[in-house]
Amino acid sequence: QVPLVESGGGLVQAGGSLRLSCAASRSIFSVNPMGWYRQAPGKQRELVAIFTSGGSTNYADSVKGRFTISRDNTKNTVYLQMNSLKPEDTAAYYCNRGGVRGPLGYWGQGTQVTVSS
């Protein structure tokens, strides 16, 4: 089983919405709080939204009030609902471990989000 599989990206106009999904292997999902990260061209990968070990959520300031992370424990899947998208949200989005330990040493293929102005 592929450990992390992201999907749901696409091309959307500014102000639009997308919902990303990440199916994680049970061995990852069951023992780790999960999160979403993104990497824009020429920039470092950054945290977007994560679950903490205590079950709460943290968001990057740039997405607060627009993005919502959620999860379905029965499906080993974490979601990222993205509303009011902006061109600066354009990036490849990845899921990985959240919490204080940060991401694992490997990544999935990511899903591309492109927001046109």
C-alpha atoms as a PDB file:
ATOM      1  CA  GLN A   1       0.000   0.000   0.000  1.00  0.00           C
ATOM      2  CA  VAL A   2       1.270   3.425  -0.948  1.00  0.00           C
ATOM      3  CA  PRO A   3       1.730   5.305   2.335  1.00  0.00           C
ATOM      4  CA  LEU A   4       0.288   8.673   1.326  1.00  0.00           C
ATOM      5  CA  VAL A   5      -1.943   9.446  -1.643  1.00  0.00           C
ATOM      6  CA  GLU A   6      -3.215  12.960  -2.172  1.00  0.00           C
ATOM      7  CA  SER A   7      -6.000  13.931  -4.555  1.00  0.00           C
ATOM      8  CA  GLY A   8      -8.530  16.638  -5.298  1.00  0.00           C
ATOM      9  CA  GLY A   9      -6.359  19.395  -6.684  1.00  0.00           C
ATOM     10  CA  GLY A  10      -7.104  21.318  -9.830  1.00  0.00           C
ATOM     11  CA  LEU A  11      -7.459  24.677 -11.493  1.00  0.00           C
ATOM     12  CA  VAL A  12      -9.881  27.102  -9.881  1.00  0.00           C
ATOM     13  CA  GLN A  13     -10.601  30.789 -10.113  1.00  0.00           C
ATOM     14  CA  ALA A  14      -9.827  33.113  -7.241  1.00  0.00           C
ATOM     15  CA  GLY A  15     -12.616  32.966  -4.692  1.00  0.00           C
ATOM     16  CA  GLY A  16     -13.411  29.367  -5.515  1.00  0.00           C
ATOM     17  CA  SER A  17     -13.179  26.236  -3.406  1.00  0.00           C
ATOM     18  CA  LEU A  18     -11.512  22.844  -3.508  1.00  0.00           C
ATOM     19  CA  ARG A  19     -11.496  19.869  -1.210  1.00  0.00           C
ATOM     20  CA  LEU A  20      -8.319  17.852  -0.993  1.00  0.00           C
ATOM     21  CA  SER A  21      -8.176  14.284   0.239  1.00  0.00           C
ATOM     22  CA  CYS A  22      -5.317  12.204   1.527  1.00  0.00           C
ATOM     23  CA  ALA A  23      -5.568   8.489   1.979  1.00  0.00           C
ATOM     24  CA  ALA A  24      -2.891   7.324   4.378  1.00  0.00           C
ATOM     25  CA  SER A  25      -1.843   3.825   5.181  1.00  0.00           C
ATOM     26  CA  ARG A  26      -3.304   2.527   8.393  1.00  0.00           C
ATOM     27  CA  SER A  27       0.151   2.224   9.932  1.00  0.00           C
ATOM     28  CA  ILE A  28       0.644   5.959   9.494  1.00  0.00           C
ATOM     29  CA  PHE A  29      -2.853   7.241  10.144  1.00  0.00           C
ATOM     30  CA  SER A  30      -3.551   5.234  13.254  1.00  0.00           C
ATOM     31  CA  VAL A  31      -0.545   6.449  15.230  1.00  0.00           C
ATOM     32  CA  ASN A  32       0.086   9.948  13.938  1.00  0.00           C
ATOM     33  CA  PRO A  33      -1.793  13.209  13.895  1.00  0.00           C
ATOM     34  CA  MET A  34      -1.917  14.239  10.261  1.00  0.00           C
ATOM     35  CA  GLY A  35      -1.483  17.516   8.491  1.00  0.00           C
ATOM     36  CA  TRP A  36      -1.286  19.330   5.197  1.00  0.00           C
ATOM     37  CA  TYR A  37       1.735  21.084   3.759  1.00  0.00           C
ATOM     38  CA  ARG A  38       2.327  22.914   0.505  1.00  0.00           C
ATOM     39  CA  GLN A  39       5.195  23.928  -1.707  1.00  0.00           C
ATOM     40  CA  ALA A  40       5.011  26.700  -4.244  1.00  0.00           C
ATOM     41  CA  PRO A  41       7.529  26.938  -7.094  1.00  0.00           C
ATOM     42  CA  GLY A  42      10.842  28.304  -5.874  1.00  0.00           C
ATOM     43  CA  LYS A  43       9.751  28.214  -2.237  1.00  0.00           C
ATOM     44  CA  GLN A  44      10.268  25.899   0.679  1.00  0.00           C
ATOM     45  CA  ARG A  45       7.574  23.512   1.764  1.00  0.00           C
ATOM     46  CA  GLU A  46       5.406  25.038   4.476  1.00  0.00           C
ATOM     47  CA  LEU A  47       2.842  23.876   6.962  1.00  0.00           C
ATOM     48  CA  VAL A  48      -0.760  24.669   6.048  1.00  0.00           C
ATOM     49  CA  ALA A  49      -2.898  22.904   8.637  1.00  0.00           C
ATOM     50  CA  ILE A  50      -2.278  20.129  11.118  1.00  0.00           C
ATOM     51  CA  PHE A  51      -3.843  18.150  13.876  1.00  0.00           C
ATOM     52  CA  THR A  52      -1.935  18.194  17.116  1.00  0.00           C
ATOM     53  CA  SER A  53      -1.383  15.147  19.245  1.00  0.00           C
ATOM     54  CA  GLY A  54      -4.202  16.367  21.478  1.00  0.00           C
ATOM     55  CA  GLY A  55      -6.626  16.522  18.585  1.00  0.00           C
ATOM     56  CA  SER A  56      -6.801  20.259  18.150  1.00  0.00           C
ATOM     57  CA  THR A  57      -5.923  22.021  14.925  1.00  0.00           C
ATOM     58  CA  ASN A  58      -3.337  24.588  13.916  1.00  0.00           C
ATOM     59  CA  TYR A  59      -3.375  26.666  10.780  1.00  0.00           C
ATOM     60  CA  ALA A  60      -0.904  28.881   9.009  1.00  0.00           C
ATOM     61  CA  ASP A  61      -1.886  32.512   9.438  1.00  0.00           C
ATOM     62  CA  SER A  62      -2.292  32.858   5.696  1.00  0.00           C
ATOM     63  CA  VAL A  63      -5.120  30.301   5.570  1.00  0.00           C
ATOM     64  CA  LYS A  64      -6.928  30.870   8.866  1.00  0.00           C
ATOM     65  CA  GLY A  65     -10.631  31.330   8.351  1.00  0.00           C
ATOM     66  CA  ARG A  66     -10.453  29.952   4.803  1.00  0.00           C
ATOM     67  CA  PHE A  67      -9.147  26.392   5.142  1.00  0.00           C
ATOM     68  CA  THR A  68     -10.449  23.605   7.340  1.00  0.00           C
ATOM     69  CA  ILE A  69      -8.711  20.325   8.086  1.00  0.00           C
ATOM     70  CA  SER A  70     -10.778  17.309   8.988  1.00  0.00           C
ATOM     71  CA  ARG A  71     -10.414  13.555   9.079  1.00  0.00           C
ATOM     72  CA  ASP A  72     -12.348  10.339   8.743  1.00  0.00           C
ATOM     73  CA  ASN A  73     -10.830   7.748  11.036  1.00  0.00           C
ATOM     74  CA  THR A  74     -12.860   4.969   9.448  1.00  0.00           C
ATOM     75  CA  LYS A  75     -11.249   5.665   6.085  1.00  0.00           C
ATOM     76  CA  ASN A  76      -7.745   6.631   7.233  1.00  0.00           C
ATOM     77  CA  THR A  77      -8.296   9.846   5.307  1.00  0.00           C
ATOM     78  CA  VAL A  78      -7.578  13.472   6.067  1.00  0.00           C
ATOM     79  CA  TYR A  79      -9.214  16.318   4.178  1.00  0.00           C
ATOM     80  CA  LEU A  80      -8.496  19.953   3.514  1.00  0.00           C
ATOM     81  CA  GLN A  81     -11.444  22.134   2.606  1.00  0.00           C
ATOM     82  CA  MET A  82     -10.171  25.263   0.932  1.00  0.00           C
ATOM     83  CA  ASN A  83     -12.492  28.213   0.465  1.00  0.00           C
ATOM     84  CA  SER A  84     -11.964  31.737  -0.809  1.00  0.00           C
ATOM     85  CA  LEU A  85      -8.882  30.598  -2.669  1.00  0.00           C
ATOM     86  CA  LYS A  86      -6.289  33.155  -3.683  1.00  0.00           C
ATOM     87  CA  PRO A  87      -3.607  33.038  -6.381  1.00  0.00           C
ATOM     88  CA  GLU A  88      -0.996  32.841  -3.628  1.00  0.00           C
ATOM     89  CA  ASP A  89      -2.486  29.504  -2.587  1.00  0.00           C
ATOM     90  CA  THR A  90      -1.135  28.015  -5.806  1.00  0.00           C
ATOM     91  CA  ALA A  91       1.165  25.168  -4.831  1.00  0.00           C
ATOM     92  CA  ALA A  92       1.575  21.431  -4.673  1.00  0.00           C
ATOM     93  CA  TYR A  93      -0.205  20.184  -1.567  1.00  0.00           C
ATOM     94  CA  TYR A  94       0.966  17.223   0.465  1.00  0.00           C
ATOM     95  CA  CYS A  95      -0.260  15.402   3.514  1.00  0.00           C
ATOM     96  CA  ASN A  96       2.068  14.006   6.134  1.00  0.00           C
ATOM     97  CA  ARG A  97       2.450  13.617   9.843  1.00  0.00           C
ATOM     98  CA  GLY A  98       1.436  16.615  11.917  1.00  0.00           C
ATOM     99  CA  GLY A  99       1.930  17.150  15.632  1.00  0.00           C
ATOM    100  CA  VAL A 100       5.172  18.311  17.229  1.00  0.00           C
ATOM    101  CA  ARG A 101       7.296  15.684  15.514  1.00  0.00           C
ATOM    102  CA  GLY A 102       6.586  17.129  12.100  1.00  0.00           C
ATOM    103  CA  PRO A 103       6.549  15.300   8.781  1.00  0.00           C
ATOM    104  CA  LEU A 104       7.921  11.862   8.108  1.00  0.00           C
ATOM    105  CA  GLY A 105      11.027  11.441   5.992  1.00  0.00           C
ATOM    106  CA  TYR A 106       9.059  10.649   2.848  1.00  0.00           C
ATOM    107  CA  TRP A 107       6.274  12.280   0.901  1.00  0.00           C
ATOM    108  CA  GLY A 108       3.506  11.324  -1.448  1.00  0.00           C
ATOM    109  CA  GLN A 109       3.190  12.644  -4.960  1.00  0.00           C
ATOM    110  CA  GLY A 110       1.132  15.609  -3.849  1.00  0.00           C
ATOM    111  CA  THR A 111      -1.778  17.248  -5.627  1.00  0.00           C
ATOM    112  CA  GLN A 112      -1.446  20.474  -7.575  1.00  0.00           C
ATOM    113  CA  VAL A 113      -3.679  23.431  -6.798  1.00  0.00           C
ATOM    114  CA  THR A 114      -3.634  26.329  -9.213  1.00  0.00           C
ATOM    115  CA  VAL A 115      -5.664  29.453  -8.509  1.00  0.00           C
ATOM    116  CA  SER A 116      -6.119  31.879 -11.356  1.00  0.00           C
ATOM    117  CA  SER A 117      -6.747  35.574 -10.812  1.00  0.00           C
END
